[in-house]
Amino acid sequence: MAKALVAYFSASGTTKRVAKRLAKTAGADLFRIEPEVPYTSADLNWRDRQSRTTKEKNDHSIRLALKGAVLDVSGYDVVYVGFPIWWYTSPNIVNTFLESADFSGKTIVPFATSGGSNAAASSCDLAPSAPGAQGEPGVFLNGATDARLVKLVQQYA
């Protein structure tokens, strides 16, 4: 059976809840992707053209410093990477995480939560940040049932 990791970024707690359930279902380790400078509610205001997240959306090259040490991913075969969808894609901090370690030979399974967008575009946006990894299509896990999580895990076991 593949050794799995569930790494996630969550701004409001929605992705965190799904990530914890997925990790339990997969028997996987859990890792929280955190920016060194946490997001404030003002940073998350997508209606403000000067907010931090809006600036990141408009400049995909922005890379945020990660809080803590770089994670050693060498012992994992499958890495589920979770995040909220922001402006139809993943937040830049997810690219920072993927660029922080060598994911060559790993299977990367993006999963997302969102108020209305889907996860389809996020896979393409993440692929350049994990060269040598097998990038899988993104899955949308808002309101995922236990059966849905089991089916996802079985697909990559």
C-alpha atoms as a PDB file:
ATOM      1  CA  MET A   1       0.000   0.000   0.000  1.00  0.00           C
ATOM      2  CA  ALA A   2       1.229   3.501  -0.872  1.00  0.00           C
ATOM      3  CA  LYS A   3       2.466   5.750   1.943  1.00  0.00           C
ATOM      4  CA  ALA A   4       0.356   8.894   1.829  1.00  0.00           C
ATOM      5  CA  LEU A   5       0.522  12.478   3.019  1.00  0.00           C
ATOM      6  CA  VAL A   6      -2.330  14.972   3.147  1.00  0.00           C
ATOM      7  CA  ALA A   7      -0.910  18.500   2.945  1.00  0.00           C
ATOM      8  CA  TYR A   8      -3.372  21.347   3.049  1.00  0.00           C
ATOM      9  CA  PHE A   9      -3.743  25.108   3.162  1.00  0.00           C
ATOM     10  CA  SER A  10      -6.904  26.425   4.775  1.00  0.00           C
ATOM     11  CA  ALA A  11      -7.888  30.036   5.305  1.00  0.00           C
ATOM     12  CA  SER A  12     -11.295  29.571   6.925  1.00  0.00           C
ATOM     13  CA  GLY A  13     -11.208  25.992   8.219  1.00  0.00           C
ATOM     14  CA  THR A  14     -13.266  24.359   5.462  1.00  0.00           C
ATOM     15  CA  THR A  15     -10.295  22.739   3.715  1.00  0.00           C
ATOM     16  CA  LYS A  16      -8.804  21.770   7.080  1.00  0.00           C
ATOM     17  CA  ARG A  17     -11.922  19.791   8.006  1.00  0.00           C
ATOM     18  CA  VAL A  18     -11.880  17.893   4.709  1.00  0.00           C
ATOM     19  CA  ALA A  19      -8.112  17.306   4.966  1.00  0.00           C
ATOM     20  CA  LYS A  20      -8.452  15.772   8.432  1.00  0.00           C
ATOM     21  CA  ARG A  21     -11.190  13.429   7.239  1.00  0.00           C
ATOM     22  CA  LEU A  22      -9.177  12.464   4.143  1.00  0.00           C
ATOM     23  CA  ALA A  23      -6.043  11.786   6.229  1.00  0.00           C
ATOM     24  CA  LYS A  24      -8.019   9.573   8.592  1.00  0.00           C
ATOM     25  CA  THR A  25      -9.602   7.682   5.695  1.00  0.00           C
ATOM     26  CA  ALA A  26      -6.238   7.180   3.978  1.00  0.00           C
ATOM     27  CA  GLY A  27      -4.274   6.423   7.143  1.00  0.00           C
ATOM     28  CA  ALA A  28      -2.069   9.298   5.971  1.00  0.00           C
ATOM     29  CA  ASP A  29       0.107  11.800   7.744  1.00  0.00           C
ATOM     30  CA  LEU A  30      -1.336  15.317   7.941  1.00  0.00           C
ATOM     31  CA  PHE A  31       0.617  18.517   7.254  1.00  0.00           C
ATOM     32  CA  ARG A  32      -0.665  22.079   7.416  1.00  0.00           C
ATOM     33  CA  ILE A  33       0.752  24.463   4.796  1.00  0.00           C
ATOM     34  CA  GLU A  34       1.115  27.804   6.562  1.00  0.00           C
ATOM     35  CA  PRO A  35       2.453  31.128   5.347  1.00  0.00           C
ATOM     36  CA  GLU A  36       5.045  32.722   7.602  1.00  0.00           C
ATOM     37  CA  VAL A  37       2.829  35.807   7.721  1.00  0.00           C
ATOM     38  CA  PRO A  38      -0.750  34.619   8.349  1.00  0.00           C
ATOM     39  CA  TYR A  39      -3.607  35.985   6.284  1.00  0.00           C
ATOM     40  CA  THR A  40      -5.879  38.500   7.989  1.00  0.00           C
ATOM     41  CA  SER A  41      -9.531  39.015   7.122  1.00  0.00           C
ATOM     42  CA  ALA A  42      -8.475  42.170   5.235  1.00  0.00           C
ATOM     43  CA  ASP A  43      -5.974  40.078   3.230  1.00  0.00           C
ATOM     44  CA  LEU A  44      -8.785  37.711   2.241  1.00  0.00           C
ATOM     45  CA  ASN A  45     -11.137  40.450   1.025  1.00  0.00           C
ATOM     46  CA  TRP A  46     -11.398  39.547  -2.651  1.00  0.00           C
ATOM     47  CA  ARG A  47     -13.437  42.685  -3.362  1.00  0.00           C
ATOM     48  CA  ASP A  48     -10.508  44.913  -2.356  1.00  0.00           C
ATOM     49  CA  ARG A  49      -8.156  45.367  -5.306  1.00  0.00           C
ATOM     50  CA  GLN A  50      -5.328  46.160  -2.867  1.00  0.00           C
ATOM     51  CA  SER A  51      -5.796  43.093  -0.649  1.00  0.00           C
ATOM     52  CA  ARG A  52      -2.969  40.613  -0.364  1.00  0.00           C
ATOM     53  CA  THR A  53      -4.884  37.798  -2.063  1.00  0.00           C
ATOM     54  CA  THR A  54      -5.948  40.014  -4.948  1.00  0.00           C
ATOM     55  CA  LYS A  55      -2.336  41.033  -5.516  1.00  0.00           C
ATOM     56  CA  GLU A  56      -1.300  37.356  -5.449  1.00  0.00           C
ATOM     57  CA  LYS A  57      -4.043  36.492  -7.936  1.00  0.00           C
ATOM     58  CA  ASN A  58      -2.765  39.155 -10.299  1.00  0.00           C
ATOM     59  CA  ASP A  59       0.856  38.047  -9.974  1.00  0.00           C
ATOM     60  CA  HIS A  60       1.211  34.260 -10.008  1.00  0.00           C
ATOM     61  CA  SER A  61       4.972  34.592  -9.517  1.00  0.00           C
ATOM     62  CA  ILE A  62       4.525  35.787  -5.906  1.00  0.00           C
ATOM     63  CA  ARG A  63       5.869  33.168  -3.532  1.00  0.00           C
ATOM     64  CA  LEU A  64       5.188  33.448   0.172  1.00  0.00           C
ATOM     65  CA  ALA A  65       7.573  32.265   2.843  1.00  0.00           C
ATOM     66  CA  LEU A  66       6.400  29.099   4.563  1.00  0.00           C
ATOM     67  CA  LYS A  67       6.153  28.876   8.326  1.00  0.00           C
ATOM     68  CA  GLY A  68       8.439  26.236   9.804  1.00  0.00           C
ATOM     69  CA  ALA A  69      10.923  23.838   8.300  1.00  0.00           C
ATOM     70  CA  VAL A  70      10.696  22.348   4.833  1.00  0.00           C
ATOM     71  CA  LEU A  71       8.839  19.047   4.953  1.00  0.00           C
ATOM     72  CA  ASP A  72      10.763  15.898   4.031  1.00  0.00           C
ATOM     73  CA  VAL A  73       8.514  14.175   1.491  1.00  0.00           C
ATOM     74  CA  SER A  74      10.953  11.415   0.558  1.00  0.00           C
ATOM     75  CA  GLY A  75       8.977   8.726   2.401  1.00  0.00           C
ATOM     76  CA  TYR A  76       5.680   9.359   0.614  1.00  0.00           C
ATOM     77  CA  ASP A  77       4.299   7.862  -2.576  1.00  0.00           C
ATOM     78  CA  VAL A  78       1.031   9.808  -2.788  1.00  0.00           C
ATOM     79  CA  VAL A  79       0.590  13.419  -1.705  1.00  0.00           C
ATOM     80  CA  TYR A  80      -2.923  14.811  -1.504  1.00  0.00           C
ATOM     81  CA  VAL A  81      -2.668  18.603  -1.667  1.00  0.00           C
ATOM     82  CA  GLY A  82      -5.706  20.529  -0.441  1.00  0.00           C
ATOM     83  CA  PHE A  83      -6.666  24.169  -0.730  1.00  0.00           C
ATOM     84  CA  PRO A  84      -9.576  26.534  -1.200  1.00  0.00           C
ATOM     85  CA  ILE A  85     -10.169  27.720  -4.763  1.00  0.00           C
ATOM     86  CA  TRP A  86      -9.322  31.402  -5.085  1.00  0.00           C
ATOM     87  CA  TRP A  87     -10.184  33.038  -8.400  1.00  0.00           C
ATOM     88  CA  TYR A  88     -10.598  29.652 -10.108  1.00  0.00           C
ATOM     89  CA  THR A  89      -7.244  28.250  -9.028  1.00  0.00           C
ATOM     90  CA  SER A  90      -5.101  27.390  -6.017  1.00  0.00           C
ATOM     91  CA  PRO A  91      -3.581  30.063  -3.758  1.00  0.00           C
ATOM     92  CA  ASN A  92       0.073  30.870  -4.497  1.00  0.00           C
ATOM     93  CA  ILE A  93       1.129  29.398  -1.122  1.00  0.00           C
ATOM     94  CA  VAL A  94       0.387  25.940  -2.554  1.00  0.00           C
ATOM     95  CA  ASN A  95       2.930  26.534  -5.336  1.00  0.00           C
ATOM     96  CA  THR A  96       5.423  27.676  -2.690  1.00  0.00           C
ATOM     97  CA  PHE A  97       4.887  24.402  -0.817  1.00  0.00           C
ATOM     98  CA  LEU A  98       5.338  22.272  -3.943  1.00  0.00           C
ATOM     99  CA  GLU A  99       8.489  24.178  -4.885  1.00  0.00           C
ATOM    100  CA  SER A 100       9.953  23.710  -1.394  1.00  0.00           C
ATOM    101  CA  ALA A 101      10.695  19.999  -1.787  1.00  0.00           C
ATOM    102  CA  ASP A 102      11.452  17.378  -4.423  1.00  0.00           C
ATOM    103  CA  PHE A 103       8.221  15.691  -5.443  1.00  0.00           C
ATOM    104  CA  SER A 104       9.818  13.716  -8.300  1.00  0.00           C
ATOM    105  CA  GLY A 105       8.231  10.305  -8.629  1.00  0.00           C
ATOM    106  CA  LYS A 106       5.367  11.209  -6.272  1.00  0.00           C
ATOM    107  CA  THR A 107       1.714  11.163  -7.251  1.00  0.00           C
ATOM    108  CA  ILE A 108       0.172  14.553  -6.508  1.00  0.00           C
ATOM    109  CA  VAL A 109      -3.605  14.557  -6.029  1.00  0.00           C
ATOM    110  CA  PRO A 110      -4.978  18.098  -5.701  1.00  0.00           C
ATOM    111  CA  PHE A 111      -8.246  18.492  -3.823  1.00  0.00           C
ATOM    112  CA  ALA A 112     -10.173  21.676  -3.349  1.00  0.00           C
ATOM    113  CA  THR A 113     -13.014  23.297  -1.513  1.00  0.00           C
ATOM    114  CA  SER A 114     -14.882  26.300  -2.811  1.00  0.00           C
ATOM    115  CA  GLY A 115     -18.001  28.345  -2.553  1.00  0.00           C
ATOM    116  CA  GLY A 116     -18.656  28.010  -6.254  1.00  0.00           C
ATOM    117  CA  SER A 117     -15.612  27.215  -8.412  1.00  0.00           C
ATOM    118  CA  ASN A 118     -14.381  23.768  -9.362  1.00  0.00           C
ATOM    119  CA  ALA A 119     -10.904  22.262  -9.083  1.00  0.00           C
ATOM    120  CA  ALA A 120     -10.275  21.528 -12.760  1.00  0.00           C
ATOM    121  CA  ALA A 121      -7.895  24.402 -13.536  1.00  0.00           C
ATOM    122  CA  SER A 122      -5.851  23.967 -10.380  1.00  0.00           C
ATOM    123  CA  SER A 123      -4.098  20.807 -11.595  1.00  0.00           C
ATOM    124  CA  CYS A 124      -2.655  22.596 -14.596  1.00  0.00           C
ATOM    125  CA  ASP A 125      -1.594  25.557 -12.482  1.00  0.00           C
ATOM    126  CA  LEU A 126       0.234  23.345  -9.965  1.00  0.00           C
ATOM    127  CA  ALA A 127       2.078  21.047 -12.382  1.00  0.00           C
ATOM    128  CA  PRO A 128       5.024  23.408 -13.091  1.00  0.00           C
ATOM    129  CA  SER A 129       5.682  23.701  -9.349  1.00  0.00           C
ATOM    130  CA  ALA A 130       6.264  19.954  -8.948  1.00  0.00           C
ATOM    131  CA  PRO A 131       8.466  18.873 -11.864  1.00  0.00           C
ATOM    132  CA  GLY A 132       8.885  15.125 -12.121  1.00  0.00           C
ATOM    133  CA  ALA A 133       5.716  14.414 -10.158  1.00  0.00           C
ATOM    134  CA  GLN A 134       2.705  12.610 -11.565  1.00  0.00           C
ATOM    135  CA  GLY A 135       0.003  15.274 -11.376  1.00  0.00           C
ATOM    136  CA  GLU A 136      -3.518  13.933 -11.171  1.00  0.00           C
ATOM    137  CA  PRO A 137      -6.727  15.788 -12.018  1.00  0.00           C
ATOM    138  CA  GLY A 138      -8.017  17.992  -9.224  1.00  0.00           C
ATOM    139  CA  VAL A 139     -11.019  16.794  -7.256  1.00  0.00           C
ATOM    140  CA  PHE A 140     -13.658  18.928  -5.606  1.00  0.00           C
ATOM    141  CA  LEU A 141     -14.415  17.752  -2.058  1.00  0.00           C
ATOM    142  CA  ASN A 142     -16.968  20.231  -0.717  1.00  0.00           C
ATOM    143  CA  GLY A 143     -19.417  18.199   1.330  1.00  0.00           C
ATOM    144  CA  ALA A 144     -17.638  14.940   0.438  1.00  0.00           C
ATOM    145  CA  THR A 145     -19.257  11.865   1.928  1.00  0.00           C
ATOM    146  CA  ASP A 146     -17.216   9.194   3.660  1.00  0.00           C
ATOM    147  CA  ALA A 147     -17.915   6.930   0.673  1.00  0.00           C
ATOM    148  CA  ARG A 148     -16.475   9.584  -1.699  1.00  0.00           C
ATOM    149  CA  LEU A 149     -13.309   9.827   0.385  1.00  0.00           C
ATOM    150  CA  VAL A 150     -12.931   6.042   0.516  1.00  0.00           C
ATOM    151  CA  LYS A 151     -13.310   5.843  -3.271  1.00  0.00           C
ATOM    152  CA  LEU A 152     -10.656   8.554  -3.767  1.00  0.00           C
ATOM    153  CA  VAL A 153      -8.203   6.819  -1.425  1.00  0.00           C
ATOM    154  CA  GLN A 154      -8.765   3.433  -3.085  1.00  0.00           C
ATOM    155  CA  GLN A 155      -7.954   4.998  -6.439  1.00  0.00           C
ATOM    156  CA  TYR A 156      -4.430   5.843  -5.255  1.00  0.00           C
ATOM    157  CA  ALA A 157      -3.727   2.998  -2.799  1.00  0.00           C
END
